[in-house]
Amino acid sequence: MYIASQEVILASSTTNVVAAFVGGLVIVAALVWAVRMGIRVRGQESAPPTAEEQPHLPEGGAVHEEREMREPDEVPHAANESERLMPYNMHSSSTKHADDQHRKRWQPGSSGSFGSGGPGRT
């Protein structure tokens, strides 16, 4: 009885080893197939662009960022109370070019940022 149980255990462990080996072979075969398929698809794609086909800078050089101060653009008021504002009466943007282009800077003696713990403006 002791020998029969050992034979059953040995047979099931052998079956597990064989099943793991066969499963590994299936996975390896699937990976080899996927790599071959990828190589075949990549071979059918067009070639990468040459140096002449790459984008170039404009004649005037690089385009630079432009900074300006903006201020709110108020909603126009109707001439009388019965007149309705139509979409074409509205401005295209909610801000407009500010007359004063001087950037408001931090002033000494004022607080830094909100919650900085400083005494604030004294």
N, C-alpha and C. Protein backbone atom coordinates (compact mmCIF):
# COMPACT_ATOMS: atom_id res chain seq x y z
N MET A 1 0.82 -1.18 0.00
CA MET A 1 0.00 0.00 0.00
C MET A 1 0.87 1.25 0.00
N TYR A 2 1.94 1.19 0.75
CA TYR A 2 2.86 2.32 0.82
C TYR A 2 3.53 2.52 -0.54
N ILE A 3 3.86 1.45 -1.21
CA ILE A 3 4.52 1.51 -2.51
C ILE A 3 3.53 1.99 -3.57
N ALA A 4 2.29 1.62 -3.49
CA ALA A 4 1.28 2.04 -4.46
C ALA A 4 1.06 3.54 -4.39
N SER A 5 1.02 4.11 -3.19
CA SER A 5 0.83 5.56 -3.06
C SER A 5 2.04 6.32 -3.58
N GLN A 6 3.24 5.76 -3.41
CA GLN A 6 4.44 6.41 -3.94
C GLN A 6 4.41 6.40 -5.47
N GLU A 7 3.94 5.31 -6.04
CA GLU A 7 3.85 5.23 -7.50
C GLU A 7 2.84 6.24 -8.06
N VAL A 8 1.73 6.45 -7.35
CA VAL A 8 0.72 7.42 -7.77
C VAL A 8 1.28 8.83 -7.69
N ILE A 9 1.98 9.13 -6.59
CA ILE A 9 2.59 10.46 -6.43
C ILE A 9 3.64 10.69 -7.49
N LEU A 10 4.46 9.68 -7.77
CA LEU A 10 5.50 9.79 -8.78
C LEU A 10 4.90 9.99 -10.17
N ALA A 11 3.83 9.28 -10.46
CA ALA A 11 3.17 9.41 -11.76
C ALA A 11 2.57 10.80 -11.93
N SER A 12 1.93 11.35 -10.89
CA SER A 12 1.32 12.67 -11.01
C SER A 12 2.38 13.76 -11.13
N SER A 13 3.52 13.62 -10.44
CA SER A 13 4.56 14.63 -10.56
C SER A 13 5.21 14.56 -11.93
N THR A 14 5.34 13.36 -12.48
CA THR A 14 5.88 13.22 -13.83
C THR A 14 4.93 13.85 -14.84
N THR A 15 3.65 13.65 -14.65
CA THR A 15 2.66 14.25 -15.53
C THR A 15 2.73 15.78 -15.45
N ASN A 16 2.92 16.31 -14.25
CA ASN A 16 3.02 17.79 -14.08
C ASN A 16 4.25 18.33 -14.79
N VAL A 17 5.37 17.62 -14.69
CA VAL A 17 6.60 18.06 -15.35
C VAL A 17 6.42 18.05 -16.86
N VAL A 18 5.83 17.00 -17.38
CA VAL A 18 5.61 16.90 -18.83
C VAL A 18 4.64 17.99 -19.29
N ALA A 19 3.59 18.23 -18.53
CA ALA A 19 2.62 19.28 -18.89
C ALA A 19 3.28 20.66 -18.88
N ALA A 20 4.14 20.93 -17.89
CA ALA A 20 4.84 22.22 -17.84
C ALA A 20 5.78 22.35 -19.02
N PHE A 21 6.47 21.29 -19.38
CA PHE A 21 7.39 21.33 -20.52
C PHE A 21 6.63 21.58 -21.82
N VAL A 22 5.54 20.89 -22.02
CA VAL A 22 4.73 21.08 -23.24
C VAL A 22 4.15 22.51 -23.26
N GLY A 23 3.71 23.00 -22.12
CA GLY A 23 3.20 24.38 -22.05
C GLY A 23 4.28 25.39 -22.40
N GLY A 24 5.50 25.15 -21.93
CA GLY A 24 6.63 26.03 -22.26
C GLY A 24 6.92 26.02 -23.74
N LEU A 25 6.86 24.83 -24.36
CA LEU A 25 7.09 24.74 -25.81
C LEU A 25 6.02 25.50 -26.58
N VAL A 26 4.77 25.44 -26.13
CA VAL A 26 3.69 26.17 -26.80
C VAL A 26 3.94 27.68 -26.71
N ILE A 27 4.35 28.14 -25.55
CA ILE A 27 4.62 29.58 -25.38
C ILE A 27 5.79 30.00 -26.25
N VAL A 28 6.86 29.23 -26.29
CA VAL A 28 8.02 29.56 -27.12
C VAL A 28 7.62 29.59 -28.60
N ALA A 29 6.82 28.62 -29.02
CA ALA A 29 6.37 28.59 -30.42
C ALA A 29 5.54 29.83 -30.74
N ALA A 30 4.67 30.25 -29.82
CA ALA A 30 3.85 31.45 -30.05
C ALA A 30 4.73 32.70 -30.14
N LEU A 31 5.75 32.80 -29.31
CA LEU A 31 6.65 33.97 -29.36
C LEU A 31 7.45 34.00 -30.65
N VAL A 32 7.94 32.84 -31.09
CA VAL A 32 8.68 32.78 -32.36
C VAL A 32 7.77 33.19 -33.51
N TRP A 33 6.53 32.71 -33.52
CA TRP A 33 5.58 33.08 -34.56
C TRP A 33 5.31 34.59 -34.55
N ALA A 34 5.16 35.18 -33.34
CA ALA A 34 4.89 36.62 -33.24
C ALA A 34 6.07 37.44 -33.76
N VAL A 35 7.29 37.03 -33.46
CA VAL A 35 8.47 37.77 -33.94
C VAL A 35 8.55 37.67 -35.46
N ARG A 36 8.35 36.49 -36.03
CA ARG A 36 8.38 36.34 -37.49
C ARG A 36 7.30 37.17 -38.15
N MET A 37 6.11 37.18 -37.57
CA MET A 37 5.01 37.98 -38.12
C MET A 37 5.37 39.47 -38.06
N GLY A 38 5.97 39.92 -36.97
CA GLY A 38 6.37 41.32 -36.85
C GLY A 38 7.42 41.71 -37.86
N ILE A 39 8.38 40.82 -38.10
CA ILE A 39 9.42 41.09 -39.10
C ILE A 39 8.79 41.18 -40.49
N ARG A 40 7.85 40.31 -40.79
CA ARG A 40 7.18 40.32 -42.09
C ARG A 40 6.38 41.62 -42.27
N VAL A 41 5.66 42.05 -41.25
CA VAL A 41 4.85 43.28 -41.35
C VAL A 41 5.76 44.50 -41.49
N ARG A 42 6.85 44.52 -40.72
CA ARG A 42 7.76 45.65 -40.78
C ARG A 42 8.43 45.74 -42.15
N GLY A 43 8.68 44.61 -42.78
CA GLY A 43 9.27 44.61 -44.12
C GLY A 43 8.34 45.19 -45.17
N GLN A 44 7.03 45.14 -44.94
CA GLN A 44 6.06 45.68 -45.89
C GLN A 44 5.82 47.17 -45.71
N GLU A 45 6.28 47.75 -44.59
CA GLU A 45 6.07 49.18 -44.34
C GLU A 45 6.98 50.01 -45.21
N SER A 46 6.62 51.29 -45.38
CA SER A 46 7.47 52.18 -46.16
C SER A 46 8.73 52.53 -45.38
N ALA A 47 9.76 52.92 -46.13
CA ALA A 47 11.04 53.24 -45.51
C ALA A 47 10.94 54.54 -44.70
N PRO A 48 11.79 54.73 -43.68
CA PRO A 48 11.76 55.98 -42.93
C PRO A 48 12.19 57.15 -43.82
N PRO A 49 11.77 58.37 -43.48
CA PRO A 49 12.10 59.52 -44.33
C PRO A 49 13.60 59.81 -44.35
N THR A 50 14.07 60.29 -45.48
CA THR A 50 15.48 60.67 -45.60
C THR A 50 15.70 62.03 -44.95
N ALA A 51 16.95 62.46 -44.90
CA ALA A 51 17.28 63.75 -44.27
C ALA A 51 16.63 64.92 -45.02
N GLU A 52 16.50 64.80 -46.34
CA GLU A 52 15.89 65.88 -47.13
C GLU A 52 14.38 65.97 -46.88
N GLU A 53 13.76 64.85 -46.49
CA GLU A 53 12.32 64.83 -46.27
C GLU A 53 11.93 65.27 -44.86
N GLN A 54 12.91 65.46 -43.99
CA GLN A 54 12.64 65.88 -42.62
C GLN A 54 12.21 67.35 -42.60
N PRO A 55 11.42 67.77 -41.59
CA PRO A 55 11.03 69.18 -41.51
C PRO A 55 12.23 70.08 -41.24
N HIS A 56 12.17 71.29 -41.77
CA HIS A 56 13.26 72.26 -41.61
C HIS A 56 12.72 73.54 -40.97
N LEU A 57 13.62 74.34 -40.40
CA LEU A 57 13.25 75.64 -39.82
C LEU A 57 12.80 76.58 -40.93
N PRO A 58 11.90 77.52 -40.63
CA PRO A 58 11.52 78.52 -41.64
C PRO A 58 12.71 79.40 -42.00
N GLU A 59 12.59 80.11 -43.12
CA GLU A 59 13.67 80.97 -43.58
C GLU A 59 14.05 82.03 -42.54
N GLY A 60 13.07 82.54 -41.82
CA GLY A 60 13.34 83.59 -40.83
C GLY A 60 13.89 83.06 -39.51
N GLY A 61 14.10 81.79 -39.39
CA GLY A 61 14.61 81.20 -38.15
C GLY A 61 13.47 80.65 -37.31
N ALA A 62 13.83 80.34 -36.08
CA ALA A 62 12.85 79.73 -35.18
C ALA A 62 11.77 80.75 -34.80
N VAL A 63 10.56 80.27 -34.60
CA VAL A 63 9.45 81.11 -34.19
C VAL A 63 9.51 81.24 -32.67
N HIS A 64 9.43 82.47 -32.18
CA HIS A 64 9.56 82.70 -30.75
C HIS A 64 8.21 83.02 -30.12
N GLU A 65 8.16 82.82 -28.86
CA GLU A 65 6.95 83.08 -28.09
C GLU A 65 6.76 84.59 -27.92
N GLU A 66 5.53 85.03 -27.96
CA GLU A 66 5.24 86.45 -27.76
C GLU A 66 4.46 86.60 -26.48
N ARG A 67 4.87 87.55 -25.65
CA ARG A 67 4.18 87.78 -24.39
C ARG A 67 3.51 89.15 -24.41
N GLU A 68 2.33 89.19 -23.82
CA GLU A 68 1.65 90.46 -23.68
C GLU A 68 0.73 90.39 -22.48
N MET A 69 0.44 91.52 -21.92
CA MET A 69 -0.49 91.60 -20.79
C MET A 69 -1.89 91.71 -21.39
N ARG A 70 -2.83 90.97 -20.81
CA ARG A 70 -4.22 90.97 -21.27
C ARG A 70 -5.11 91.49 -20.16
N GLU A 71 -6.22 92.07 -20.52
CA GLU A 71 -7.20 92.52 -19.53
C GLU A 71 -8.58 92.04 -19.96
N PRO A 72 -9.51 91.94 -19.02
CA PRO A 72 -10.84 91.42 -19.38
C PRO A 72 -11.53 92.31 -20.40
N ASP A 73 -12.23 91.68 -21.31
CA ASP A 73 -13.01 92.39 -22.31
C ASP A 73 -14.47 92.31 -21.86
N GLU A 74 -15.03 93.43 -21.51
CA GLU A 74 -16.39 93.47 -20.96
C GLU A 74 -17.43 93.14 -22.02
N VAL A 75 -18.55 92.59 -21.58
CA VAL A 75 -19.65 92.27 -22.47
C VAL A 75 -20.33 93.59 -22.87
N PRO A 76 -20.56 93.81 -24.16
CA PRO A 76 -21.22 95.06 -24.56
C PRO A 76 -22.66 95.11 -24.06
N HIS A 77 -23.10 96.31 -23.75
CA HIS A 77 -24.48 96.50 -23.28
C HIS A 77 -25.38 96.84 -24.45
N ALA A 78 -26.61 96.39 -24.38
CA ALA A 78 -27.59 96.69 -25.43
C ALA A 78 -27.96 98.17 -25.35
N ALA A 79 -28.35 98.74 -26.49
CA ALA A 79 -28.69 100.17 -26.54
C ALA A 79 -29.90 100.47 -25.66
N ASN A 80 -30.91 99.63 -25.72
CA ASN A 80 -32.06 99.80 -24.84
C ASN A 80 -32.42 98.44 -24.25
N GLU A 81 -33.29 98.42 -23.30
CA GLU A 81 -33.61 97.19 -22.58
C GLU A 81 -34.29 96.14 -23.46
N SER A 82 -35.03 96.56 -24.48
CA SER A 82 -35.76 95.59 -25.29
C SER A 82 -34.86 94.95 -26.37
N GLU A 83 -33.70 95.52 -26.62
CA GLU A 83 -32.82 94.98 -27.65
C GLU A 83 -32.05 93.76 -27.11
N ARG A 84 -31.95 92.74 -27.94
CA ARG A 84 -31.23 91.53 -27.54
C ARG A 84 -29.81 91.57 -28.08
N LEU A 85 -28.89 91.00 -27.31
CA LEU A 85 -27.52 90.83 -27.81
C LEU A 85 -27.47 89.53 -28.61
N MET A 86 -26.97 89.60 -29.80
CA MET A 86 -26.84 88.43 -30.67
C MET A 86 -25.40 87.95 -30.63
N PRO A 87 -25.13 86.72 -31.03
CA PRO A 87 -23.75 86.21 -30.99
C PRO A 87 -22.77 87.06 -31.79
N TYR A 88 -23.21 87.63 -32.90
CA TYR A 88 -22.30 88.46 -33.68
C TYR A 88 -22.01 89.81 -33.01
N ASN A 89 -22.79 90.18 -31.98
CA ASN A 89 -22.50 91.40 -31.22
C ASN A 89 -21.40 91.16 -30.17
N MET A 90 -21.15 89.90 -29.85
CA MET A 90 -20.17 89.58 -28.83
C MET A 90 -18.77 89.59 -29.43
N HIS A 91 -17.78 89.76 -28.59
CA HIS A 91 -16.40 89.72 -29.04
C HIS A 91 -15.93 88.27 -29.10
N SER A 92 -14.92 88.03 -29.91
CA SER A 92 -14.46 86.66 -30.11
C SER A 92 -13.65 86.12 -28.94
N SER A 93 -13.12 87.00 -28.11
CA SER A 93 -12.29 86.56 -26.99
C SER A 93 -12.75 87.25 -25.72
N SER A 94 -12.50 86.62 -24.58
CA SER A 94 -12.92 87.22 -23.31
C SER A 94 -11.88 88.19 -22.78
N THR A 95 -10.72 88.29 -23.44
CA THR A 95 -9.70 89.24 -23.02
C THR A 95 -9.28 90.07 -24.21
N LYS A 96 -8.62 91.18 -23.92
CA LYS A 96 -8.12 92.06 -24.98
C LYS A 96 -6.74 92.57 -24.60
N HIS A 97 -6.05 93.14 -25.56
CA HIS A 97 -4.71 93.69 -25.36
C HIS A 97 -4.80 94.82 -24.34
N ALA A 98 -3.96 94.77 -23.32
CA ALA A 98 -3.96 95.81 -22.29
C ALA A 98 -3.16 97.01 -22.77
N ASP A 99 -3.63 98.21 -22.40
CA ASP A 99 -2.89 99.42 -22.76
C ASP A 99 -1.58 99.49 -22.00
N ASP A 100 -1.60 99.08 -20.72
CA ASP A 100 -0.40 99.08 -19.89
C ASP A 100 0.27 97.72 -20.01
N GLN A 101 1.39 97.65 -20.71
CA GLN A 101 2.10 96.39 -20.90
C GLN A 101 3.16 96.16 -19.84
N HIS A 102 3.19 97.00 -18.80
CA HIS A 102 4.16 96.82 -17.71
C HIS A 102 3.68 95.69 -16.81
N ARG A 103 4.53 94.71 -16.60
CA ARG A 103 4.18 93.57 -15.77
C ARG A 103 4.26 93.94 -14.30
N LYS A 104 3.20 93.65 -13.58
CA LYS A 104 3.16 93.97 -12.16
C LYS A 104 4.02 92.96 -11.42
N ARG A 105 5.05 93.45 -10.73
CA ARG A 105 6.01 92.59 -10.06
C ARG A 105 5.74 92.55 -8.57
N TRP A 106 6.43 91.66 -7.93
CA TRP A 106 6.37 91.54 -6.48
C TRP A 106 6.99 92.79 -5.87
N GLN A 107 6.34 93.31 -4.85
CA GLN A 107 6.84 94.51 -4.18
C GLN A 107 7.49 94.11 -2.86
N PRO A 108 8.65 94.68 -2.53
CA PRO A 108 9.28 94.38 -1.25
C PRO A 108 8.35 94.80 -0.11
N GLY A 109 8.29 93.97 0.91
CA GLY A 109 7.44 94.26 2.05
C GLY A 109 6.07 93.61 1.95
N SER A 110 5.72 93.11 0.80
CA SER A 110 4.44 92.42 0.69
C SER A 110 4.69 90.93 0.92
N SER A 111 3.63 90.20 1.18
CA SER A 111 3.80 88.77 1.45
C SER A 111 4.21 88.05 0.18
N GLY A 112 4.79 86.88 0.37
CA GLY A 112 5.22 86.07 -0.77
C GLY A 112 4.02 85.44 -1.43
N SER A 113 3.76 84.21 -1.12
CA SER A 113 2.60 83.54 -1.67
C SER A 113 1.60 83.29 -0.56
N PHE A 114 0.41 82.87 -0.94
CA PHE A 114 -0.62 82.62 0.04
C PHE A 114 -0.16 81.51 0.98
N GLY A 115 -0.27 81.76 2.27
CA GLY A 115 0.09 80.75 3.25
C GLY A 115 1.57 80.61 3.48
N SER A 116 2.35 81.65 3.12
CA SER A 116 3.79 81.54 3.28
C SER A 116 4.21 81.74 4.72
N GLY A 117 3.33 82.21 5.56
CA GLY A 117 3.68 82.40 6.96
C GLY A 117 4.30 83.74 7.26
N GLY A 118 4.50 84.56 6.23
CA GLY A 118 5.09 85.86 6.44
C GLY A 118 4.11 86.83 7.07
N PRO A 119 4.59 87.99 7.54
CA PRO A 119 3.70 88.95 8.20
C PRO A 119 2.75 89.65 7.25
N GLY A 120 3.00 89.53 5.94
CA GLY A 120 2.15 90.21 4.98
C GLY A 120 2.54 91.67 4.84
N ARG A 121 1.68 92.43 4.22
CA ARG A 121 1.98 93.85 4.01
C ARG A 121 1.83 94.59 5.35
N THR A 122 2.84 95.30 5.72
CA THR A 122 2.80 96.02 7.01
C THR A 122 2.73 97.50 6.82
